[in-house]
Amino acid sequence: MDLANIGLGYWLLIIIMGLICGIVGFFIGRSAGRSAHMETSFEELKATNTRLQSDLDLCRKSLNSEHSRPRRQQVKFDAKMAKAVLGRFVKQDDLKVVEGIGPKIEGLFHNYNIKTWKALSQTSVAKCHEVLDAGGEKYRVHDPASWPMQARMCYENKWKELHRWQEEHKHGKL
């Protein structure tokens, strides 16, 4: 082959073929690297899934063992003791017994399906703030930090302790 007789078209063809092969090689190499990365990610996800599944199984076993334990006896409401200690008639699950809760705030809690002392005692302070925020600006001045604790005292018929606490902490402040 005589290099002097090779035309410009021949050199262009070689350059174009080289570019095409380079581009195809780039994409093939890139996809191979991606699949290796995807396999590692898949293995990591499988390991995480296995760990989470075992955690879930442990939680379910724990939950089942808690349900098999005998439940605490539900405390029976003692209206006579409440009246004797507080000096006024108390209806069962009247949230207004809690220092700082009035009729309107009680209504707000009822809107959130918190209608009993037990339910309020199991409510977080953050949730109490959420309920107050739903009532508008005028309810944000209230401090519900002690409300779940007071509700627990009501639910457990600890009227003397509740009365003593309310006397020491006027207006429900801690």
Protein backbone atom coordinates (compact mmCIF):
# COMPACT_ATOMS: atom_id res chain seq x y z
CA MET A 1 0.00 0.00 0.00
CA ASP A 2 1.37 3.33 -1.00
CA LEU A 3 0.81 6.00 1.70
CA ALA A 4 1.17 8.78 -0.84
CA ASN A 5 -1.92 7.64 -2.76
CA ILE A 6 -4.19 7.42 0.33
CA GLY A 7 -6.77 10.15 0.18
CA LEU A 8 -8.29 12.47 2.71
CA GLY A 9 -11.52 10.40 2.81
CA TYR A 10 -9.63 7.36 4.01
CA TRP A 11 -8.09 9.30 6.95
CA LEU A 12 -11.48 10.78 7.85
CA LEU A 13 -12.98 7.29 7.86
CA ILE A 14 -10.27 6.04 10.24
CA ILE A 15 -10.76 9.05 12.55
CA ILE A 16 -14.57 8.64 12.59
CA MET A 17 -14.28 4.88 13.29
CA GLY A 18 -11.83 5.62 16.12
CA LEU A 19 -14.25 8.15 17.66
CA ILE A 20 -17.18 5.75 17.39
CA CYS A 21 -15.17 2.94 18.98
CA GLY A 22 -14.04 5.29 21.75
CA ILE A 23 -17.59 6.42 22.51
CA VAL A 24 -18.96 2.85 22.48
CA GLY A 25 -16.10 1.72 24.71
CA PHE A 26 -16.78 4.57 27.13
CA PHE A 27 -20.43 3.62 27.52
CA ILE A 28 -19.66 -0.09 27.85
CA GLY A 29 -17.08 0.64 30.54
CA ARG A 30 -19.41 3.01 32.31
CA SER A 31 -22.29 0.53 32.41
CA ALA A 32 -19.98 -2.21 33.71
CA GLY A 33 -18.88 0.06 36.56
CA ARG A 34 -22.50 0.93 37.29
CA SER A 35 -23.61 -2.68 37.48
CA ALA A 36 -20.77 -3.48 39.91
CA HIS A 37 -21.85 -0.52 42.05
CA MET A 38 -25.47 -1.63 41.82
CA GLU A 39 -24.53 -5.13 42.97
CA THR A 40 -22.75 -3.71 46.03
CA SER A 41 -25.72 -1.46 46.77
CA PHE A 42 -28.07 -4.41 46.37
CA GLU A 43 -26.00 -6.50 48.81
CA GLU A 44 -25.96 -3.63 51.31
CA LEU A 45 -29.72 -3.25 51.00
CA LYS A 46 -30.23 -6.98 51.51
CA ALA A 47 -28.10 -6.87 54.67
CA THR A 48 -30.03 -3.85 55.96
CA ASN A 49 -33.34 -5.55 55.18
CA THR A 50 -32.26 -8.68 57.07
CA ARG A 51 -31.21 -6.62 60.09
CA LEU A 52 -34.48 -4.66 60.07
CA GLN A 53 -36.51 -7.84 59.71
CA SER A 54 -34.80 -9.34 62.79
CA ASP A 55 -35.44 -6.10 64.71
CA LEU A 56 -39.10 -6.26 63.70
CA ASP A 57 -39.33 -9.88 64.84
CA LEU A 58 -37.84 -8.94 68.22
CA CYS A 59 -40.35 -6.10 68.59
CA ARG A 60 -43.23 -8.43 67.77
CA LYS A 61 -42.01 -10.99 70.32
CA SER A 62 -41.69 -8.26 72.93
CA LEU A 63 -45.18 -6.99 72.14
CA ASN A 64 -46.64 -10.48 72.37
CA SER A 65 -44.96 -11.09 75.71
CA GLU A 66 -46.36 -7.80 77.05
CA HIS A 67 -49.87 -8.83 76.03
CA SER A 68 -49.48 -12.19 77.72
CA ARG A 69 -48.65 -10.51 81.04
CA PRO A 70 -51.60 -9.80 83.28
CA ARG A 71 -52.82 -6.26 82.80
CA ARG A 72 -52.88 -3.76 85.60
CA GLN A 73 -56.23 -3.49 87.22
CA GLN A 74 -58.11 -0.49 85.97
CA VAL A 75 -58.45 2.03 88.76
CA LYS A 76 -62.01 2.61 89.84
CA PHE A 77 -62.99 6.26 90.14
CA ASP A 78 -63.72 7.33 93.73
CA ALA A 79 -65.96 10.41 93.56
CA LYS A 80 -66.41 10.55 97.35
CA MET A 81 -62.69 10.73 98.01
CA ALA A 82 -62.26 13.36 95.29
CA LYS A 83 -65.00 15.52 96.82
CA ALA A 84 -63.58 15.09 100.31
CA VAL A 85 -60.10 16.15 99.26
CA LEU A 86 -60.86 18.82 96.66
CA GLY A 87 -63.98 20.15 98.37
CA ARG A 88 -66.17 19.98 95.28
CA PHE A 89 -67.99 17.39 93.23
CA VAL A 90 -65.82 15.82 90.53
CA LYS A 91 -67.18 14.00 87.49
CA GLN A 92 -65.13 11.11 86.16
CA ASP A 93 -62.77 12.14 83.33
CA ASP A 94 -63.51 15.84 83.79
CA LEU A 95 -60.36 17.39 82.32
CA LYS A 96 -61.17 20.71 84.03
CA VAL A 97 -59.94 19.21 87.32
CA VAL A 98 -56.43 19.62 85.92
CA GLU A 99 -55.04 23.02 86.92
CA GLY A 100 -54.92 25.23 83.80
CA ILE A 101 -57.64 23.47 81.80
CA GLY A 102 -60.98 25.22 81.46
CA PRO A 103 -64.09 24.42 79.41
CA LYS A 104 -62.71 25.75 76.11
CA ILE A 105 -59.37 23.95 76.41
CA GLU A 106 -61.23 20.80 77.42
CA GLY A 107 -63.21 21.17 74.19
CA LEU A 108 -59.98 21.46 72.20
CA PHE A 109 -58.72 18.21 73.73
CA HIS A 110 -62.04 16.52 72.98
CA ASN A 111 -61.60 17.55 69.32
CA TYR A 112 -58.35 15.54 69.37
CA ASN A 113 -60.18 12.58 70.96
CA ILE A 114 -58.48 13.14 74.31
CA LYS A 115 -61.52 12.81 76.53
CA THR A 116 -60.31 10.93 79.62
CA TRP A 117 -57.73 11.42 82.35
CA LYS A 118 -55.98 8.28 81.17
CA ALA A 119 -55.78 9.56 77.58
CA LEU A 120 -54.42 12.92 78.75
CA SER A 121 -51.90 11.23 81.04
CA GLN A 122 -50.55 9.31 78.04
CA THR A 123 -50.35 12.43 75.86
CA SER A 124 -46.96 14.08 75.35
CA VAL A 125 -46.43 17.71 76.26
CA ALA A 126 -45.63 18.36 72.58
CA LYS A 127 -49.05 16.99 71.61
CA CYS A 128 -50.66 19.22 74.26
CA HIS A 129 -48.92 22.22 72.66
CA GLU A 130 -50.23 21.07 69.27
CA VAL A 131 -53.78 20.99 70.63
CA LEU A 132 -53.39 24.47 72.09
CA ASP A 133 -51.90 25.79 68.84
CA ALA A 134 -54.94 24.49 66.99
CA GLY A 135 -57.11 26.71 69.20
CA GLY A 136 -55.40 29.86 68.03
CA GLU A 137 -53.13 32.55 69.35
CA LYS A 138 -54.94 33.11 72.66
CA TYR A 139 -54.32 29.51 73.80
CA ARG A 140 -50.56 29.60 73.19
CA VAL A 141 -49.97 31.39 76.49
CA HIS A 142 -50.91 28.28 78.46
CA ASP A 143 -48.21 25.94 79.75
CA PRO A 144 -49.34 22.29 79.52
CA ALA A 145 -46.11 20.82 80.92
CA SER A 146 -47.81 19.46 84.04
CA TRP A 147 -51.15 18.42 82.55
CA PRO A 148 -50.29 14.78 81.76
CA MET A 149 -48.87 14.34 85.27
CA GLN A 150 -51.94 15.87 86.91
CA ALA A 151 -54.21 13.73 84.73
CA ARG A 152 -52.33 10.62 85.86
CA MET A 153 -52.96 11.58 89.48
CA CYS A 154 -56.66 11.96 88.70
CA TYR A 155 -56.79 8.64 86.85
CA GLU A 156 -55.02 6.84 89.71
CA ASN A 157 -57.27 8.44 92.39
CA LYS A 158 -54.32 10.21 93.98
CA TRP A 159 -56.47 13.12 95.07
CA LYS A 160 -54.38 14.13 98.07
CA GLU A 161 -51.22 14.26 95.98
CA LEU A 162 -53.05 16.22 93.25
CA HIS A 163 -54.44 18.71 95.77
CA ARG A 164 -51.03 19.15 97.41
CA TRP A 165 -49.35 19.64 94.03
CA GLN A 166 -51.94 22.16 92.88
CA GLU A 167 -51.59 24.13 96.11
CA GLU A 168 -47.80 24.25 95.76
CA HIS A 169 -47.89 25.12 92.05
CA LYS A 170 -50.58 27.70 91.54
CA HIS A 171 -51.76 28.06 87.95
CA GLY A 172 -50.17 24.76 86.90
CA LYS A 173 -46.63 26.10 86.70
CA LEU A 174 -43.80 23.71 87.48
